[in-house]
Amino acid sequence: HLKRWRGIATRYAKLTSSFVAAVQIRCIVLWVSTLI
C-alpha cells in the first residue's frame, strides 16, 4: 500500500516539476521576446 502511494507521489512530483519547468521556459521566452 505504501509503495503504491510512494509511486503516485513521485509521479506527481515529476509532473509538477516538469510543469514548473515548462512555465519557466515560457516566461523566459516571453521576456526575451519583449526585449527584442
PDB file of N, CA and C in Angstrom:
ATOM      1  N   HIS A   1       0.827  -1.206   0.000  1.00  0.00           N
ATOM      2  CA  HIS A   1       0.000   0.000   0.000  1.00  0.00           C
ATOM      3  C   HIS A   1       0.863   1.259   0.000  1.00  0.00           C
ATOM      4  N   LEU A   2       1.894   1.237   0.843  1.00  0.00           N
ATOM      5  CA  LEU A   2       2.766   2.407   0.949  1.00  0.00           C
ATOM      6  C   LEU A   2       3.590   2.584  -0.329  1.00  0.00           C
ATOM      7  N   LYS A   3       3.982   1.453  -0.926  1.00  0.00           N
ATOM      8  CA  LYS A   3       4.769   1.532  -2.170  1.00  0.00           C
ATOM      9  C   LYS A   3       3.963   2.222  -3.265  1.00  0.00           C
ATOM     10  N   ARG A   4       2.672   1.862  -3.343  1.00  0.00           N
ATOM     11  CA  ARG A   4       1.831   2.461  -4.374  1.00  0.00           C
ATOM     12  C   ARG A   4       1.712   3.965  -4.161  1.00  0.00           C
ATOM     13  N   TRP A   5       1.527   4.361  -2.899  1.00  0.00           N
ATOM     14  CA  TRP A   5       1.419   5.785  -2.605  1.00  0.00           C
ATOM     15  C   TRP A   5       2.707   6.523  -2.950  1.00  0.00           C
ATOM     16  N   ARG A   6       3.848   5.857  -2.680  1.00  0.00           N
ATOM     17  CA  ARG A   6       5.139   6.485  -2.987  1.00  0.00           C
ATOM     18  C   ARG A   6       5.287   6.668  -4.495  1.00  0.00           C
ATOM     19  N   GLY A   7       4.846   5.658  -5.260  1.00  0.00           N
ATOM     20  CA  GLY A   7       4.917   5.762  -6.720  1.00  0.00           C
ATOM     21  C   GLY A   7       4.055   6.899  -7.235  1.00  0.00           C
ATOM     22  N   ILE A   8       2.848   7.020  -6.668  1.00  0.00           N
ATOM     23  CA  ILE A   8       1.955   8.113  -7.069  1.00  0.00           C
ATOM     24  C   ILE A   8       2.585   9.454  -6.709  1.00  0.00           C
ATOM     25  N   ALA A   9       3.186   9.527  -5.520  1.00  0.00           N
ATOM     26  CA  ALA A   9       3.792  10.781  -5.065  1.00  0.00           C
ATOM     27  C   ALA A   9       4.960  11.178  -5.964  1.00  0.00           C
ATOM     28  N   THR A  10       5.808  10.208  -6.325  1.00  0.00           N
ATOM     29  CA  THR A  10       6.960  10.528  -7.169  1.00  0.00           C
ATOM     30  C   THR A  10       6.493  10.937  -8.565  1.00  0.00           C
ATOM     31  N   ARG A  11       5.450  10.260  -9.062  1.00  0.00           N
ATOM     32  CA  ARG A  11       4.928  10.610 -10.383  1.00  0.00           C
ATOM     33  C   ARG A  11       4.363  12.022 -10.352  1.00  0.00           C
ATOM     34  N   TYR A  12       3.653  12.347  -9.267  1.00  0.00           N
ATOM     35  CA  TYR A  12       3.073  13.677  -9.115  1.00  0.00           C
ATOM     36  C   TYR A  12       4.178  14.731  -9.021  1.00  0.00           C
ATOM     37  N   ALA A  13       5.252  14.396  -8.302  1.00  0.00           N
ATOM     38  CA  ALA A  13       6.365  15.332  -8.158  1.00  0.00           C
ATOM     39  C   ALA A  13       7.032  15.582  -9.510  1.00  0.00           C
ATOM     40  N   LYS A  14       7.192  14.504 -10.292  1.00  0.00           N
ATOM     41  CA  LYS A  14       7.788  14.659 -11.622  1.00  0.00           C
ATOM     42  C   LYS A  14       6.901  15.529 -12.501  1.00  0.00           C
ATOM     43  N   LEU A  15       5.581  15.301 -12.421  1.00  0.00           N
ATOM     44  CA  LEU A  15       4.648  16.092 -13.220  1.00  0.00           C
ATOM     45  C   LEU A  15       4.720  17.561 -12.841  1.00  0.00           C
ATOM     46  N   THR A  16       4.722  17.849 -11.546  1.00  0.00           N
ATOM     47  CA  THR A  16       4.743  19.241 -11.108  1.00  0.00           C
ATOM     48  C   THR A  16       6.069  19.907 -11.469  1.00  0.00           C
ATOM     49  N   SER A  17       7.177  19.173 -11.338  1.00  0.00           N
ATOM     50  CA  SER A  17       8.478  19.768 -11.656  1.00  0.00           C
ATOM     51  C   SER A  17       8.575  20.064 -13.148  1.00  0.00           C
ATOM     52  N   SER A  18       8.060  19.154 -13.992  1.00  0.00           N
ATOM     53  CA  SER A  18       8.101  19.389 -15.432  1.00  0.00           C
ATOM     54  C   SER A  18       7.162  20.538 -15.793  1.00  0.00           C
ATOM     55  N   PHE A  19       6.030  20.647 -15.077  1.00  0.00           N
ATOM     56  CA  PHE A  19       5.092  21.748 -15.316  1.00  0.00           C
ATOM     57  C   PHE A  19       5.739  23.080 -14.956  1.00  0.00           C
ATOM     58  N   VAL A  20       6.424  23.124 -13.825  1.00  0.00           N
ATOM     59  CA  VAL A  20       7.107  24.348 -13.393  1.00  0.00           C
ATOM     60  C   VAL A  20       8.196  24.716 -14.396  1.00  0.00           C
ATOM     61  N   ALA A  21       8.927  23.715 -14.887  1.00  0.00           N
ATOM     62  CA  ALA A  21       9.975  23.970 -15.873  1.00  0.00           C
ATOM     63  C   ALA A  21       9.371  24.540 -17.151  1.00  0.00           C
ATOM     64  N   ALA A  22       8.236  23.990 -17.583  1.00  0.00           N
ATOM     65  CA  ALA A  22       7.577  24.482 -18.797  1.00  0.00           C
ATOM     66  C   ALA A  22       7.124  25.926 -18.610  1.00  0.00           C
ATOM     67  N   VAL A  23       6.586  26.232 -17.439  1.00  0.00           N
ATOM     68  CA  VAL A  23       6.144  27.603 -17.156  1.00  0.00           C
ATOM     69  C   VAL A  23       7.335  28.555 -17.154  1.00  0.00           C
ATOM     70  N   GLN A  24       8.444  28.127 -16.556  1.00  0.00           N
ATOM     71  CA  GLN A  24       9.642  28.967 -16.513  1.00  0.00           C
ATOM     72  C   GLN A  24      10.165  29.226 -17.922  1.00  0.00           C
ATOM     73  N   ILE A  25      10.198  28.179 -18.754  1.00  0.00           N
ATOM     74  CA  ILE A  25      10.680  28.338 -20.129  1.00  0.00           C
ATOM     75  C   ILE A  25       9.780  29.315 -20.880  1.00  0.00           C
ATOM     76  N   ARG A  26       8.461  29.169 -20.671  1.00  0.00           N
ATOM     77  CA  ARG A  26       7.524  30.056 -21.357  1.00  0.00           C
ATOM     78  C   ARG A  26       7.733  31.502 -20.916  1.00  0.00           C
ATOM     79  N   CYS A  27       7.939  31.704 -19.615  1.00  0.00           N
ATOM     80  CA  CYS A  27       8.167  33.057 -19.100  1.00  0.00           C
ATOM     81  C   CYS A  27       9.445  33.648 -19.677  1.00  0.00           C
ATOM     82  N   ILE A  28      10.496  32.828 -19.761  1.00  0.00           N
ATOM     83  CA  ILE A  28      11.770  33.301 -20.314  1.00  0.00           C
ATOM     84  C   ILE A  28      11.592  33.683 -21.780  1.00  0.00           C
ATOM     85  N   VAL A  29      10.868  32.851 -22.531  1.00  0.00           N
ATOM     86  CA  VAL A  29      10.642  33.136 -23.955  1.00  0.00           C
ATOM     87  C   VAL A  29       9.859  34.438 -24.112  1.00  0.00           C
ATOM     88  N   LEU A  30       8.831  34.615 -23.293  1.00  0.00           N
ATOM     89  CA  LEU A  30       8.045  35.853 -23.370  1.00  0.00           C
ATOM     90  C   LEU A  30       8.904  37.059 -23.008  1.00  0.00           C
ATOM     91  N   TRP A  31       9.746  36.905 -21.973  1.00  0.00           N
ATOM     92  CA  TRP A  31      10.599  38.004 -21.537  1.00  0.00           C
ATOM     93  C   TRP A  31      11.609  38.371 -22.627  1.00  0.00           C
ATOM     94  N   VAL A  32      12.200  37.353 -23.255  1.00  0.00           N
ATOM     95  CA  VAL A  32      13.178  37.602 -24.321  1.00  0.00           C
ATOM     96  C   VAL A  32      12.490  38.269 -25.512  1.00  0.00           C
ATOM     97  N   SER A  33      11.269  37.840 -25.823  1.00  0.00           N
ATOM     98  CA  SER A  33      10.562  38.426 -26.964  1.00  0.00           C
ATOM     99  C   SER A  33      10.220  39.896 -26.695  1.00  0.00           C
ATOM    100  N   THR A  34      10.025  40.267 -25.435  1.00  0.00           N
ATOM    101  CA  THR A  34       9.764  41.672 -25.131  1.00  0.00           C
ATOM    102  C   THR A  34      11.050  42.486 -25.238  1.00  0.00           C
ATOM    103  N   LEU A  35      12.194  41.857 -24.982  1.00  0.00           N
ATOM    104  CA  LEU A  35      13.477  42.562 -25.072  1.00  0.00           C
ATOM    105  C   LEU A  35      13.851  42.837 -26.520  1.00  0.00           C
ATOM    106  N   ILE A  36      13.529  41.908 -27.404  1.00  0.00           N
ATOM    107  CA  ILE A  36      13.929  42.046 -28.809  1.00  0.00           C
ATOM    108  C   ILE A  36      13.124  43.163 -29.479  1.00  0.00           C
TER     109      ILE A  36
END
